[in-house]
Amino acid sequence: MWEWGITQPYAPPHGPPRTSPAQVAGIAGVSALVGGVNSFFVVAIKSDQIGWWRWLTASVPEAQPPVGVLKAVAAGYGQGFLLKSDGTVLGFGGGNGFGSLGDGTTVYRDEPAPVVDLAGITQVASGNWHG
């Protein structure tokens, strides 16, 4: 995976703008990648469809525990969503102040939690303060 362009001081990868592509350390075999609003949140799926990474405020990707076979990812302003191959959706992150994760709460979720009342989903997307 490669990156370039401007970064925020609190968003990965810390540092000055990159005017040419540079390889991201610690991540390989990506099959899907999505960046949230203003790049505050980035999520990637490994090519094996089971492993995944996320960047919150770290300068390197953080490997996450498997949650099942993943089909797609989405990211918004501080929240992320994982679409599993069985059609269920998991939400996680800090952008839940308005119930953006769809889990019936407004609390921060470090671990992915099911979005309630969804089944048979084939695609997933996220925006600024909504899933």
Protein backbone atom coordinates (compact mmCIF):
# COMPACT_ATOMS: atom_id res chain seq x y z
CA MET A 1 0.00 0.00 0.00
CA TRP A 2 1.22 3.48 -0.87
CA GLU A 3 0.38 6.97 0.33
CA TRP A 4 0.99 10.57 -0.74
CA GLY A 5 -0.43 14.06 -0.24
CA ILE A 6 -1.16 16.11 2.85
CA THR A 7 -1.77 14.69 6.30
CA GLN A 8 -3.31 16.18 9.40
CA PRO A 9 -1.10 16.52 12.48
CA TYR A 10 -3.26 13.96 14.30
CA ALA A 11 -3.97 11.67 11.36
CA PRO A 12 -1.75 8.95 9.97
CA PRO A 13 0.98 9.08 8.95
CA HIS A 14 2.24 12.05 10.97
CA GLY A 15 4.54 14.33 9.06
CA PRO A 16 4.83 16.82 6.22
CA PRO A 17 2.98 16.43 2.91
CA ARG A 18 4.32 13.69 0.66
CA THR A 19 4.85 14.89 -2.89
CA SER A 20 5.51 11.39 -4.20
CA PRO A 21 4.20 7.94 -3.21
CA ALA A 22 5.77 6.21 -0.19
CA GLN A 23 5.09 2.68 0.99
CA VAL A 24 3.18 2.35 4.26
CA ALA A 25 5.16 0.26 6.74
CA GLY A 26 3.51 -2.67 8.50
CA ILE A 27 0.75 -3.40 6.01
CA ALA A 28 0.62 -5.66 2.93
CA GLY A 29 -1.94 -7.72 1.04
CA VAL A 30 -4.79 -5.19 1.12
CA SER A 31 -7.98 -6.07 -0.76
CA ALA A 32 -10.11 -3.08 0.30
CA LEU A 33 -9.28 0.32 1.76
CA VAL A 34 -11.41 3.28 2.76
CA GLY A 35 -10.66 6.65 4.36
CA GLY A 36 -13.11 8.55 6.51
CA VAL A 37 -14.03 12.21 6.40
CA ASN A 38 -10.89 14.38 6.58
CA SER A 39 -8.87 11.14 6.88
CA PHE A 40 -9.57 10.94 10.61
CA PHE A 41 -10.29 7.26 10.21
CA VAL A 42 -8.92 4.65 7.81
CA VAL A 43 -9.88 0.96 7.57
CA ALA A 44 -8.37 -1.79 5.39
CA ILE A 45 -9.22 -5.46 4.79
CA LYS A 46 -6.49 -8.03 4.22
CA SER A 47 -6.62 -10.07 1.04
CA ASP A 48 -7.60 -13.15 3.08
CA GLN A 49 -10.89 -11.32 3.86
CA ILE A 50 -10.50 -12.06 7.58
CA GLY A 51 -7.72 -9.83 8.86
CA TRP A 52 -8.19 -6.07 9.03
CA TRP A 53 -6.39 -2.94 10.16
CA ARG A 54 -7.39 0.49 11.30
CA TRP A 55 -5.69 3.77 11.90
CA LEU A 56 -7.15 6.08 14.50
CA THR A 57 -4.42 8.40 15.72
CA ALA A 58 -1.50 6.03 15.35
CA SER A 59 1.10 6.64 12.68
CA VAL A 60 1.09 2.95 11.75
CA PRO A 61 -1.82 0.61 11.09
CA GLU A 62 -3.14 -1.35 14.05
CA ALA A 63 -3.98 -5.01 13.31
CA GLN A 64 -7.39 -5.95 14.71
CA PRO A 65 -8.80 -9.29 15.91
CA PRO A 66 -10.79 -11.24 13.31
CA VAL A 67 -14.57 -10.75 13.35
CA GLY A 68 -15.47 -13.15 10.52
CA VAL A 69 -15.19 -13.10 6.75
CA LEU A 70 -15.36 -9.50 5.53
CA LYS A 71 -16.85 -8.32 2.26
CA ALA A 72 -16.50 -4.51 2.44
CA VAL A 73 -15.55 -1.58 4.67
CA ALA A 74 -16.77 1.99 5.09
CA ALA A 75 -15.52 4.90 7.18
CA GLY A 76 -16.93 8.25 8.21
CA TYR A 77 -15.99 10.95 10.68
CA GLY A 78 -14.52 8.80 13.44
CA GLN A 79 -16.61 5.70 12.78
CA GLY A 80 -16.04 2.59 10.72
CA PHE A 81 -18.23 -0.20 9.40
CA LEU A 82 -17.43 -3.77 8.41
CA LEU A 83 -19.75 -5.68 6.10
CA LYS A 84 -19.50 -9.40 6.77
CA SER A 85 -20.05 -12.03 4.09
CA ASP A 86 -23.28 -13.12 5.83
CA GLY A 87 -24.83 -9.68 5.20
CA THR A 88 -24.50 -8.33 8.74
CA VAL A 89 -22.82 -4.99 9.50
CA LEU A 90 -20.58 -4.12 12.45
CA GLY A 91 -19.91 -0.54 13.57
CA PHE A 92 -17.12 0.85 15.73
CA GLY A 93 -15.35 4.07 16.66
CA GLY A 94 -15.87 7.33 18.48
CA GLY A 95 -18.19 9.04 16.01
CA ASN A 96 -21.28 7.75 17.83
CA GLY A 97 -22.44 10.89 19.63
CA PHE A 98 -25.59 11.01 17.51
CA GLY A 99 -26.09 7.24 17.29
CA SER A 100 -24.04 7.03 14.08
CA LEU A 101 -22.99 3.42 14.68
CA GLY A 102 -26.57 2.18 14.56
CA ASP A 103 -26.08 -0.04 17.58
CA GLY A 104 -28.82 1.60 19.65
CA THR A 105 -26.35 3.60 21.78
CA THR A 106 -24.34 6.80 21.70
CA VAL A 107 -21.20 5.36 23.33
CA TYR A 108 -17.71 4.93 21.91
CA ARG A 109 -17.11 1.41 20.60
CA ASP A 110 -13.52 0.22 20.43
CA GLU A 111 -14.68 -3.25 19.41
CA PRO A 112 -17.08 -3.69 16.47
CA ALA A 113 -20.73 -4.13 17.49
CA PRO A 114 -23.66 -5.23 15.30
CA VAL A 115 -25.78 -2.56 13.65
CA VAL A 116 -29.28 -3.41 14.87
CA ASP A 117 -32.18 -4.47 12.61
CA LEU A 118 -30.04 -5.02 9.49
CA ALA A 119 -29.79 -8.28 7.57
CA GLY A 120 -28.98 -9.29 4.02
CA ILE A 121 -26.90 -6.17 3.35
CA THR A 122 -24.81 -6.20 0.15
CA GLN A 123 -23.04 -2.82 0.32
CA VAL A 124 -22.04 -0.42 3.07
CA ALA A 125 -21.26 3.32 3.10
CA SER A 126 -20.74 6.03 5.69
CA GLY A 127 -20.79 9.80 5.80
CA ASN A 128 -19.90 12.58 8.17
CA TRP A 129 -22.10 11.73 11.18
CA HIS A 130 -24.09 8.80 9.83
CA GLY A 131 -23.73 5.21 8.70
